[in-house]
Amino acid sequence: MLYVYILIGIFGLACIITMIVASIIEAKKSRISKEIMKPDVLMDCEKKLGEFLESNKISRREDLLRLCQSLNVQIETVPPINRHLNGAEAVIDSSENGYIVRVAENLGVKQRRFAIAHEIGHVVMGDELPVKRNGHGIFIRSKDEQIRDYIAAAILLPRDKFSQLLAEKRFYSLGTKGKNEFIATVSEEFDVDESVVIKRIKECKLLAEIPS
């Protein structure tokens, strides 16, 4: 019977430790997210993306395929356990005439598109290639990686185009059902996860509140 109490005690202690660790992780994730979701940070990202596209004579409304073609980005699918990926979903490196993105073959279409756009985000931000994977924590993505996530979302759902769509559908006047239908429709039409659409709505709302 004593062993049972000991096991129960150990289990209870493990649960408490797990809850404490989870709380610390969530607090850190929340802090990083708040640092990213600031109008000046978002505007700086939009500015850098705009300058990059303009310098390469690429329209902000180009889809991901045409963007890859314009930058001469070659896409190569590789097994998820691969020396190039080293635990990441995708990696980018310079090639002879442009860039090469290696992406895990087990990703779905939407996840693959976002992973590719994220890697292009490293080019937009002027990162040294190949990128050192020091921002891919098991539970927490660094601020730099989250900024590249923002660039990816801005590539897949360009601000002007997406903001216009939000206005045309009068998104903020819709009820819960209408908003959910809008998110699902955009997710399918633009081949992005619904979570990306939801976050992009919040980002565009923040950007719209910045005085012109």
C-alpha atoms as a PDB file:
ATOM      1  CA  MET A   1       0.000   0.000   0.000  1.00  0.00           C
ATOM      2  CA  LEU A   2       2.926   2.294   0.760  1.00  0.00           C
ATOM      3  CA  TYR A   3       4.154   1.902  -2.813  1.00  0.00           C
ATOM      4  CA  VAL A   4       0.763   3.018  -4.089  1.00  0.00           C
ATOM      5  CA  TYR A   5       0.928   6.220  -2.050  1.00  0.00           C
ATOM      6  CA  ILE A   6       4.478   6.824  -3.242  1.00  0.00           C
ATOM      7  CA  LEU A   7       3.413   6.391  -6.868  1.00  0.00           C
ATOM      8  CA  ILE A   8       0.438   8.683  -6.360  1.00  0.00           C
ATOM      9  CA  GLY A   9       2.740  11.260  -4.804  1.00  0.00           C
ATOM     10  CA  ILE A  10       5.232  11.033  -7.661  1.00  0.00           C
ATOM     11  CA  PHE A  11       2.434  11.321 -10.222  1.00  0.00           C
ATOM     12  CA  GLY A  12       0.975  14.325  -8.423  1.00  0.00           C
ATOM     13  CA  LEU A  13       4.375  16.014  -8.260  1.00  0.00           C
ATOM     14  CA  ALA A  14       4.948  15.352 -11.974  1.00  0.00           C
ATOM     15  CA  CYS A  15       1.576  16.929 -12.777  1.00  0.00           C
ATOM     16  CA  ILE A  16       2.415  20.020 -10.734  1.00  0.00           C
ATOM     17  CA  ILE A  17       5.823  20.387 -12.424  1.00  0.00           C
ATOM     18  CA  THR A  18       4.213  19.953 -15.848  1.00  0.00           C
ATOM     19  CA  MET A  19       1.641  22.667 -15.062  1.00  0.00           C
ATOM     20  CA  ILE A  20       4.351  25.055 -13.868  1.00  0.00           C
ATOM     21  CA  VAL A  21       6.490  24.469 -16.979  1.00  0.00           C
ATOM     22  CA  ALA A  22       3.435  24.878 -19.229  1.00  0.00           C
ATOM     23  CA  SER A  23       2.561  28.153 -17.498  1.00  0.00           C
ATOM     24  CA  ILE A  24       6.101  29.474 -17.978  1.00  0.00           C
ATOM     25  CA  ILE A  25       6.081  28.501 -21.660  1.00  0.00           C
ATOM     26  CA  GLU A  26       2.674  30.121 -22.253  1.00  0.00           C
ATOM     27  CA  ALA A  27       3.790  33.295 -20.491  1.00  0.00           C
ATOM     28  CA  LYS A  28       6.913  33.511 -22.662  1.00  0.00           C
ATOM     29  CA  LYS A  29       4.916  32.805 -25.836  1.00  0.00           C
ATOM     30  CA  SER A  30       2.418  35.511 -24.873  1.00  0.00           C
ATOM     31  CA  ARG A  31       5.218  38.023 -24.234  1.00  0.00           C
ATOM     32  CA  ILE A  32       6.860  37.347 -27.600  1.00  0.00           C
ATOM     33  CA  SER A  33       3.505  37.546 -29.406  1.00  0.00           C
ATOM     34  CA  LYS A  34       2.793  40.920 -27.791  1.00  0.00           C
ATOM     35  CA  GLU A  35       6.201  42.171 -28.943  1.00  0.00           C
ATOM     36  CA  ILE A  36       5.348  41.181 -32.508  1.00  0.00           C
ATOM     37  CA  MET A  37       1.765  42.452 -32.472  1.00  0.00           C
ATOM     38  CA  LYS A  38       2.735  46.091 -32.201  1.00  0.00           C
ATOM     39  CA  PRO A  39       1.723  48.468 -35.018  1.00  0.00           C
ATOM     40  CA  ASP A  40       5.245  49.833 -35.482  1.00  0.00           C
ATOM     41  CA  VAL A  41       6.727  46.323 -35.724  1.00  0.00           C
ATOM     42  CA  LEU A  42       4.072  45.209 -38.221  1.00  0.00           C
ATOM     43  CA  MET A  43       4.472  48.360 -40.287  1.00  0.00           C
ATOM     44  CA  ASP A  44       8.244  47.891 -40.371  1.00  0.00           C
ATOM     45  CA  CYS A  45       7.739  44.351 -41.688  1.00  0.00           C
ATOM     46  CA  GLU A  46       5.332  45.587 -44.364  1.00  0.00           C
ATOM     47  CA  LYS A  47       7.811  48.301 -45.339  1.00  0.00           C
ATOM     48  CA  LYS A  48      10.702  45.844 -45.656  1.00  0.00           C
ATOM     49  CA  LEU A  49       8.595  43.460 -47.716  1.00  0.00           C
ATOM     50  CA  GLY A  50       7.445  46.317 -49.954  1.00  0.00           C
ATOM     51  CA  GLU A  51      10.991  47.562 -50.490  1.00  0.00           C
ATOM     52  CA  PHE A  52      12.200  44.039 -51.254  1.00  0.00           C
ATOM     53  CA  LEU A  53       9.462  43.420 -53.816  1.00  0.00           C
ATOM     54  CA  GLU A  54       9.953  46.834 -55.392  1.00  0.00           C
ATOM     55  CA  SER A  55      13.708  46.334 -55.680  1.00  0.00           C
ATOM     56  CA  ASN A  56      13.050  43.046 -57.469  1.00  0.00           C
ATOM     57  CA  LYS A  57      10.281  44.613 -59.591  1.00  0.00           C
ATOM     58  CA  ILE A  58       7.652  42.250 -58.198  1.00  0.00           C
ATOM     59  CA  SER A  59       4.033  43.261 -57.606  1.00  0.00           C
ATOM     60  CA  ARG A  60       2.716  43.021 -54.048  1.00  0.00           C
ATOM     61  CA  ARG A  61      -0.217  41.077 -55.453  1.00  0.00           C
ATOM     62  CA  GLU A  62       1.833  38.304 -57.013  1.00  0.00           C
ATOM     63  CA  ASP A  63       0.907  34.848 -55.767  1.00  0.00           C
ATOM     64  CA  LEU A  64       3.502  32.554 -54.209  1.00  0.00           C
ATOM     65  CA  LEU A  65       4.183  30.617 -57.418  1.00  0.00           C
ATOM     66  CA  ARG A  66       4.935  33.746 -59.439  1.00  0.00           C
ATOM     67  CA  LEU A  67       6.986  35.164 -56.598  1.00  0.00           C
ATOM     68  CA  CYS A  68       9.121  32.015 -56.587  1.00  0.00           C
ATOM     69  CA  GLN A  69       9.486  32.243 -60.351  1.00  0.00           C
ATOM     70  CA  SER A  70      10.513  35.906 -60.161  1.00  0.00           C
ATOM     71  CA  LEU A  71      13.146  35.173 -57.515  1.00  0.00           C
ATOM     72  CA  ASN A  72      14.203  31.951 -59.258  1.00  0.00           C
ATOM     73  CA  VAL A  73      13.342  29.858 -56.220  1.00  0.00           C
ATOM     74  CA  GLN A  74      13.479  26.131 -56.870  1.00  0.00           C
ATOM     75  CA  ILE A  75      11.369  23.896 -54.625  1.00  0.00           C
ATOM     76  CA  GLU A  76      12.616  20.457 -53.671  1.00  0.00           C
ATOM     77  CA  THR A  77      10.588  18.084 -51.496  1.00  0.00           C
ATOM     78  CA  VAL A  78      12.663  15.884 -49.225  1.00  0.00           C
ATOM     79  CA  PRO A  79      11.954  13.298 -46.505  1.00  0.00           C
ATOM     80  CA  PRO A  80      11.205  14.931 -43.119  1.00  0.00           C
ATOM     81  CA  ILE A  81      14.213  13.170 -41.620  1.00  0.00           C
ATOM     82  CA  ASN A  82      16.875  14.735 -43.789  1.00  0.00           C
ATOM     83  CA  ARG A  83      20.343  16.193 -43.296  1.00  0.00           C
ATOM     84  CA  HIS A  84      19.268  19.424 -44.976  1.00  0.00           C
ATOM     85  CA  LEU A  85      16.165  19.982 -42.855  1.00  0.00           C
ATOM     86  CA  ASN A  86      17.804  19.085 -39.557  1.00  0.00           C
ATOM     87  CA  GLY A  87      14.440  19.068 -37.788  1.00  0.00           C
ATOM     88  CA  ALA A  88      12.906  22.065 -39.598  1.00  0.00           C
ATOM     89  CA  GLU A  89       9.908  21.932 -41.943  1.00  0.00           C
ATOM     90  CA  ALA A  90      11.799  23.769 -44.680  1.00  0.00           C
ATOM     91  CA  VAL A  91      15.159  25.416 -45.309  1.00  0.00           C
ATOM     92  CA  ILE A  92      16.422  27.875 -47.891  1.00  0.00           C
ATOM     93  CA  ASP A  93      19.874  28.270 -49.377  1.00  0.00           C
ATOM     94  CA  SER A  94      21.444  30.138 -52.246  1.00  0.00           C
ATOM     95  CA  SER A  95      21.750  28.363 -55.574  1.00  0.00           C
ATOM     96  CA  GLU A  96      23.781  29.187 -58.658  1.00  0.00           C
ATOM     97  CA  ASN A  97      21.080  31.394 -60.163  1.00  0.00           C
ATOM     98  CA  GLY A  98      18.772  32.075 -57.226  1.00  0.00           C
ATOM     99  CA  TYR A  99      17.588  30.059 -54.264  1.00  0.00           C
ATOM    100  CA  ILE A 100      16.566  26.526 -53.389  1.00  0.00           C
ATOM    101  CA  VAL A 101      13.951  25.694 -50.771  1.00  0.00           C
ATOM    102  CA  ARG A 102      13.916  22.174 -49.435  1.00  0.00           C
ATOM    103  CA  VAL A 103      10.600  21.345 -47.796  1.00  0.00           C
ATOM    104  CA  ALA A 104       9.429  18.256 -45.926  1.00  0.00           C
ATOM    105  CA  GLU A 105       7.344  16.034 -48.187  1.00  0.00           C
ATOM    106  CA  ASN A 106       4.928  15.088 -45.391  1.00  0.00           C
ATOM    107  CA  LEU A 107       3.487  18.609 -45.112  1.00  0.00           C
ATOM    108  CA  GLY A 108       0.012  19.336 -46.441  1.00  0.00           C
ATOM    109  CA  VAL A 109      -0.428  21.856 -49.256  1.00  0.00           C
ATOM    110  CA  LYS A 110      -1.291  24.751 -46.942  1.00  0.00           C
ATOM    111  CA  GLN A 111       1.507  24.002 -44.514  1.00  0.00           C
ATOM    112  CA  ARG A 112       3.965  23.603 -47.386  1.00  0.00           C
ATOM    113  CA  ARG A 113       3.017  26.964 -48.903  1.00  0.00           C
ATOM    114  CA  PHE A 114       3.445  28.712 -45.564  1.00  0.00           C
ATOM    115  CA  ALA A 115       6.798  26.995 -44.964  1.00  0.00           C
ATOM    116  CA  ILE A 116       8.048  28.139 -48.380  1.00  0.00           C
ATOM    117  CA  ALA A 117       6.806  31.693 -47.805  1.00  0.00           C
ATOM    118  CA  HIS A 118       8.509  31.687 -44.398  1.00  0.00           C
ATOM    119  CA  GLU A 119      11.825  30.729 -46.000  1.00  0.00           C
ATOM    120  CA  ILE A 120      11.442  33.544 -48.521  1.00  0.00           C
ATOM    121  CA  GLY A 121      10.885  35.755 -45.472  1.00  0.00           C
ATOM    122  CA  HIS A 122      14.476  35.046 -44.479  1.00  0.00           C
ATOM    123  CA  VAL A 123      15.605  36.435 -47.846  1.00  0.00           C
ATOM    124  CA  VAL A 124      13.363  39.491 -47.432  1.00  0.00           C
ATOM    125  CA  MET A 125      14.914  40.207 -44.033  1.00  0.00           C
ATOM    126  CA  GLY A 126      18.427  39.815 -45.420  1.00  0.00           C
ATOM    127  CA  ASP A 127      19.363  36.790 -43.320  1.00  0.00           C
ATOM    128  CA  GLU A 128      22.609  34.981 -44.031  1.00  0.00           C
ATOM    129  CA  LEU A 129      21.980  31.747 -45.904  1.00  0.00           C
ATOM    130  CA  PRO A 130      21.759  28.974 -44.994  1.00  0.00           C
ATOM    131  CA  VAL A 131      19.895  30.169 -41.910  1.00  0.00           C
ATOM    132  CA  LYS A 132      21.181  28.905 -38.582  1.00  0.00           C
ATOM    133  CA  ARG A 133      18.282  27.099 -36.918  1.00  0.00           C
ATOM    134  CA  ASN A 134      18.566  28.621 -33.460  1.00  0.00           C
ATOM    135  CA  GLY A 135      15.067  30.056 -33.325  1.00  0.00           C
ATOM    136  CA  HIS A 136      13.136  26.799 -33.620  1.00  0.00           C
ATOM    137  CA  GLY A 137      12.447  25.888 -30.013  1.00  0.00           C
ATOM    138  CA  ILE A 138      10.411  22.798 -29.225  1.00  0.00           C
ATOM    139  CA  PHE A 139       7.590  24.903 -27.809  1.00  0.00           C
ATOM    140  CA  ILE A 140       8.531  28.522 -28.498  1.00  0.00           C
ATOM    141  CA  ARG A 141       9.505  30.275 -31.709  1.00  0.00           C
ATOM    142  CA  SER A 142      11.837  33.214 -31.286  1.00  0.00           C
ATOM    143  CA  LYS A 143      10.843  36.781 -32.099  1.00  0.00           C
ATOM    144  CA  ASP A 144      12.916  36.668 -35.298  1.00  0.00           C
ATOM    145  CA  GLU A 145      11.184  33.489 -36.448  1.00  0.00           C
ATOM    146  CA  GLN A 146       7.763  34.961 -35.691  1.00  0.00           C
ATOM    147  CA  ILE A 147       8.643  38.024 -37.752  1.00  0.00           C
ATOM    148  CA  ARG A 148       9.477  35.699 -40.657  1.00  0.00           C
ATOM    149  CA  ASP A 149       6.091  34.076 -40.024  1.00  0.00           C
ATOM    150  CA  TYR A 150       4.548  37.522 -40.393  1.00  0.00           C
ATOM    151  CA  ILE A 151       6.352  38.060 -43.691  1.00  0.00           C
ATOM    152  CA  ALA A 152       5.044  34.671 -44.857  1.00  0.00           C
ATOM    153  CA  ALA A 153       1.465  35.663 -44.025  1.00  0.00           C
ATOM    154  CA  ALA A 154       1.959  39.030 -45.753  1.00  0.00           C
ATOM    155  CA  ILE A 155       3.163  37.209 -48.875  1.00  0.00           C
ATOM    156  CA  LEU A 156       0.256  34.765 -48.914  1.00  0.00           C
ATOM    157  CA  LEU A 157      -2.364  37.342 -47.900  1.00  0.00           C
ATOM    158  CA  PRO A 158      -1.064  40.728 -49.144  1.00  0.00           C
ATOM    159  CA  ARG A 159      -2.211  43.587 -46.940  1.00  0.00           C
ATOM    160  CA  ASP A 160      -3.884  45.741 -49.601  1.00  0.00           C
ATOM    161  CA  LYS A 161      -5.629  42.839 -51.289  1.00  0.00           C
ATOM    162  CA  PHE A 162      -6.756  41.220 -48.034  1.00  0.00           C
ATOM    163  CA  SER A 163      -7.864  44.509 -46.447  1.00  0.00           C
ATOM    164  CA  GLN A 164      -9.930  45.231 -49.569  1.00  0.00           C
ATOM    165  CA  LEU A 165     -11.535  41.811 -49.284  1.00  0.00           C
ATOM    166  CA  LEU A 166     -12.339  42.406 -45.610  1.00  0.00           C
ATOM    167  CA  ALA A 167     -13.987  45.710 -46.534  1.00  0.00           C
ATOM    168  CA  GLU A 168     -15.954  44.259 -49.461  1.00  0.00           C
ATOM    169  CA  LYS A 169     -17.374  41.474 -47.287  1.00  0.00           C
ATOM    170  CA  ARG A 170     -17.946  43.895 -44.385  1.00  0.00           C
ATOM    171  CA  PHE A 171     -16.212  41.361 -42.187  1.00  0.00           C
ATOM    172  CA  TYR A 172     -16.355  43.332 -38.940  1.00  0.00           C
ATOM    173  CA  SER A 173     -20.129  43.702 -39.268  1.00  0.00           C
ATOM    174  CA  LEU A 174     -20.703  39.981 -39.724  1.00  0.00           C
ATOM    175  CA  GLY A 175     -21.983  37.692 -37.015  1.00  0.00           C
ATOM    176  CA  THR A 176     -20.017  34.730 -35.712  1.00  0.00           C
ATOM    177  CA  LYS A 177     -21.341  32.383 -38.401  1.00  0.00           C
ATOM    178  CA  GLY A 178     -20.565  34.857 -41.185  1.00  0.00           C
ATOM    179  CA  LYS A 179     -17.045  35.449 -39.900  1.00  0.00           C
ATOM    180  CA  ASN A 180     -16.371  31.720 -39.647  1.00  0.00           C
ATOM    181  CA  GLU A 181     -17.628  31.211 -43.208  1.00  0.00           C
ATOM    182  CA  PHE A 182     -15.399  34.064 -44.438  1.00  0.00           C
ATOM    183  CA  ILE A 183     -12.345  32.555 -42.730  1.00  0.00           C
ATOM    184  CA  ALA A 184     -13.078  29.101 -44.159  1.00  0.00           C
ATOM    185  CA  THR A 185     -13.600  30.524 -47.670  1.00  0.00           C
ATOM    186  CA  VAL A 186     -10.364  32.534 -47.615  1.00  0.00           C
ATOM    187  CA  SER A 187      -8.504  29.504 -46.267  1.00  0.00           C
ATOM    188  CA  GLU A 188      -9.603  27.427 -49.256  1.00  0.00           C
ATOM    189  CA  GLU A 189      -9.248  30.124 -51.922  1.00  0.00           C
ATOM    190  CA  PHE A 190      -5.770  31.218 -50.843  1.00  0.00           C
ATOM    191  CA  ASP A 191      -4.535  27.794 -49.677  1.00  0.00           C
ATOM    192  CA  VAL A 192      -3.611  28.934 -46.175  1.00  0.00           C
ATOM    193  CA  ASP A 193      -4.504  27.542 -42.771  1.00  0.00           C
ATOM    194  CA  GLU A 194      -7.483  29.119 -41.030  1.00  0.00           C
ATOM    195  CA  SER A 195      -5.165  30.032 -38.139  1.00  0.00           C
ATOM    196  CA  VAL A 196      -3.130  32.170 -40.558  1.00  0.00           C
ATOM    197  CA  VAL A 197      -6.289  33.889 -41.826  1.00  0.00           C
ATOM    198  CA  ILE A 198      -7.451  34.652 -38.278  1.00  0.00           C
ATOM    199  CA  LYS A 199      -4.079  36.109 -37.311  1.00  0.00           C
ATOM    200  CA  ARG A 200      -3.897  38.109 -40.535  1.00  0.00           C
ATOM    201  CA  ILE A 201      -7.294  39.663 -39.767  1.00  0.00           C
ATOM    202  CA  LYS A 202      -5.943  40.872 -36.418  1.00  0.00           C
ATOM    203  CA  GLU A 203      -2.784  42.192 -38.059  1.00  0.00           C
ATOM    204  CA  CYS A 204      -4.643  44.107 -40.771  1.00  0.00           C
ATOM    205  CA  LYS A 205      -6.966  45.593 -38.147  1.00  0.00           C
ATOM    206  CA  LEU A 206      -3.963  46.865 -36.188  1.00  0.00           C
ATOM    207  CA  LEU A 207      -2.377  48.286 -39.340  1.00  0.00           C
ATOM    208  CA  ALA A 208      -5.627  50.028 -40.267  1.00  0.00           C
ATOM    209  CA  GLU A 209      -5.588  51.854 -36.921  1.00  0.00           C
ATOM    210  CA  ILE A 210      -2.216  53.471 -37.636  1.00  0.00           C
ATOM    211  CA  PRO A 211      -2.691  57.174 -38.546  1.00  0.00           C
ATOM    212  CA  SER A 212      -1.753  57.806 -42.180  1.00  0.00           C
END
